[in-house]
Amino acid sequence: MSKTFLLRIIYRNGTTLHNITSAVESVKGVRIQRLNFIHKGKDFVGTIAVEAANLIDFDRVVTLVRLDKSISKVEGFSEGTFCYG
């Protein structure tokens, strides 16, 4: 059974979204459910909903995304702790 995890990401304008999504989907058994990004000044800010079988797979995703030096912040959190507003 897969669980949904969320990544909160801030990255610079020069980075392509393809680099981020390919890093996420390179982990076996992980797929992206939805993306939500907005442009704020010089950066893009948003969330990626990731479907993974367990927390270990999600941790691998976070590690791979953090390796990209053009991403200034990566934060993982579960959907239950996500607050709107």
C-alpha atoms as a PDB file:
ATOM      1  CA  MET A   1       0.000   0.000   0.000  1.00  0.00           C
ATOM      2  CA  SER A   2       1.417   3.368  -1.014  1.00  0.00           C
ATOM      3  CA  LYS A   3       1.364   6.468   1.131  1.00  0.00           C
ATOM      4  CA  THR A   4       1.388  10.094   0.039  1.00  0.00           C
ATOM      5  CA  PHE A   5       4.258  12.315   1.172  1.00  0.00           C
ATOM      6  CA  LEU A   6       4.821  15.979   0.363  1.00  0.00           C
ATOM      7  CA  LEU A   7       8.001  17.818  -0.566  1.00  0.00           C
ATOM      8  CA  ARG A   8       8.207  21.570  -0.097  1.00  0.00           C
ATOM      9  CA  ILE A   9      10.811  22.964  -2.505  1.00  0.00           C
ATOM     10  CA  ILE A  10      12.326  26.361  -3.271  1.00  0.00           C
ATOM     11  CA  TYR A  11      14.505  26.566  -6.375  1.00  0.00           C
ATOM     12  CA  ARG A  12      16.043  29.229  -8.590  1.00  0.00           C
ATOM     13  CA  ASN A  13      14.617  30.299 -11.922  1.00  0.00           C
ATOM     14  CA  GLY A  14      17.491  28.696 -13.883  1.00  0.00           C
ATOM     15  CA  THR A  15      16.637  25.153 -12.754  1.00  0.00           C
ATOM     16  CA  THR A  16      14.345  23.089 -14.924  1.00  0.00           C
ATOM     17  CA  LEU A  17      11.411  21.302 -13.386  1.00  0.00           C
ATOM     18  CA  HIS A  18      12.413  18.257 -15.437  1.00  0.00           C
ATOM     19  CA  ASN A  19      15.597  17.841 -13.345  1.00  0.00           C
ATOM     20  CA  ILE A  20      13.558  17.762 -10.152  1.00  0.00           C
ATOM     21  CA  THR A  21      10.859  15.405 -11.414  1.00  0.00           C
ATOM     22  CA  SER A  22      13.372  12.995 -12.960  1.00  0.00           C
ATOM     23  CA  ALA A  23      15.262  12.803  -9.640  1.00  0.00           C
ATOM     24  CA  VAL A  24      12.000  12.008  -7.829  1.00  0.00           C
ATOM     25  CA  GLU A  25      10.906   9.342 -10.285  1.00  0.00           C
ATOM     26  CA  SER A  26      14.359   7.724 -10.436  1.00  0.00           C
ATOM     27  CA  VAL A  27      13.625   5.978  -7.120  1.00  0.00           C
ATOM     28  CA  LYS A  28      11.970   2.650  -7.864  1.00  0.00           C
ATOM     29  CA  GLY A  29       8.341   2.485  -6.764  1.00  0.00           C
ATOM     30  CA  VAL A  30       7.908   6.248  -6.375  1.00  0.00           C
ATOM     31  CA  ARG A  31       5.663   8.358  -8.559  1.00  0.00           C
ATOM     32  CA  ILE A  32       4.495  11.948  -8.557  1.00  0.00           C
ATOM     33  CA  GLN A  33       0.809  12.496  -7.863  1.00  0.00           C
ATOM     34  CA  ARG A  34       0.652  16.279  -8.287  1.00  0.00           C
ATOM     35  CA  LEU A  35       2.788  19.415  -8.585  1.00  0.00           C
ATOM     36  CA  ASN A  36       1.985  22.895  -7.352  1.00  0.00           C
ATOM     37  CA  PHE A  37       4.571  25.634  -8.049  1.00  0.00           C
ATOM     38  CA  ILE A  38       4.330  29.405  -8.114  1.00  0.00           C
ATOM     39  CA  HIS A  39       6.877  32.045  -9.065  1.00  0.00           C
ATOM     40  CA  LYS A  40       7.905  34.306  -6.161  1.00  0.00           C
ATOM     41  CA  GLY A  41      10.499  36.906  -7.146  1.00  0.00           C
ATOM     42  CA  LYS A  42      13.634  35.113  -8.335  1.00  0.00           C
ATOM     43  CA  ASP A  43      12.565  31.715  -6.991  1.00  0.00           C
ATOM     44  CA  PHE A  44       9.907  29.104  -7.554  1.00  0.00           C
ATOM     45  CA  VAL A  45       8.156  27.806  -4.445  1.00  0.00           C
ATOM     46  CA  GLY A  46       5.886  24.811  -4.314  1.00  0.00           C
ATOM     47  CA  THR A  47       5.015  21.311  -3.281  1.00  0.00           C
ATOM     48  CA  ILE A  48       5.273  17.918  -4.912  1.00  0.00           C
ATOM     49  CA  ALA A  49       2.932  15.147  -3.754  1.00  0.00           C
ATOM     50  CA  VAL A  50       4.860  11.874  -3.948  1.00  0.00           C
ATOM     51  CA  GLU A  51       3.384   8.396  -3.698  1.00  0.00           C
ATOM     52  CA  ALA A  52       5.833   5.961  -2.084  1.00  0.00           C
ATOM     53  CA  ALA A  53       5.524   2.538  -0.493  1.00  0.00           C
ATOM     54  CA  ASN A  54       7.351   3.542   2.683  1.00  0.00           C
ATOM     55  CA  LEU A  55       9.265   6.303   4.414  1.00  0.00           C
ATOM     56  CA  ILE A  56      12.648   4.885   3.364  1.00  0.00           C
ATOM     57  CA  ASP A  57      11.798   5.423  -0.318  1.00  0.00           C
ATOM     58  CA  PHE A  58      10.669   8.963   0.475  1.00  0.00           C
ATOM     59  CA  ASP A  59      13.951   9.650   2.306  1.00  0.00           C
ATOM     60  CA  ARG A  60      15.838   8.549  -0.822  1.00  0.00           C
ATOM     61  CA  VAL A  61      13.817  11.036  -2.871  1.00  0.00           C
ATOM     62  CA  VAL A  62      14.607  13.869  -0.452  1.00  0.00           C
ATOM     63  CA  THR A  63      18.314  12.992  -0.543  1.00  0.00           C
ATOM     64  CA  LEU A  64      18.420  12.948  -4.357  1.00  0.00           C
ATOM     65  CA  VAL A  65      16.618  16.266  -4.661  1.00  0.00           C
ATOM     66  CA  ARG A  66      18.925  17.876  -2.084  1.00  0.00           C
ATOM     67  CA  LEU A  67      21.954  16.903  -4.183  1.00  0.00           C
ATOM     68  CA  ASP A  68      20.892  19.460  -6.813  1.00  0.00           C
ATOM     69  CA  LYS A  69      22.827  22.615  -5.844  1.00  0.00           C
ATOM     70  CA  SER A  70      20.342  24.962  -7.550  1.00  0.00           C
ATOM     71  CA  ILE A  71      17.636  23.984  -5.050  1.00  0.00           C
ATOM     72  CA  SER A  72      17.851  26.220  -2.019  1.00  0.00           C
ATOM     73  CA  LYS A  73      15.442  24.369   0.277  1.00  0.00           C
ATOM     74  CA  VAL A  74      13.884  20.910   0.424  1.00  0.00           C
ATOM     75  CA  GLU A  75      11.582  19.929   3.242  1.00  0.00           C
ATOM     76  CA  GLY A  76       9.630  16.713   3.534  1.00  0.00           C
ATOM     77  CA  PHE A  77       6.413  16.469   5.488  1.00  0.00           C
ATOM     78  CA  SER A  78       3.359  14.233   5.665  1.00  0.00           C
ATOM     79  CA  GLU A  79       0.022  15.316   4.295  1.00  0.00           C
ATOM     80  CA  GLY A  80      -1.522  15.347   7.774  1.00  0.00           C
ATOM     81  CA  THR A  81       0.787  18.153   8.926  1.00  0.00           C
ATOM     82  CA  PHE A  82       0.196  20.314   5.851  1.00  0.00           C
ATOM     83  CA  CYS A  83      -1.656  23.507   6.735  1.00  0.00           C
ATOM     84  CA  TYR A  84      -3.407  25.675   4.207  1.00  0.00           C
ATOM     85  CA  GLY A  85      -3.417  29.403   4.710  1.00  0.00           C
END
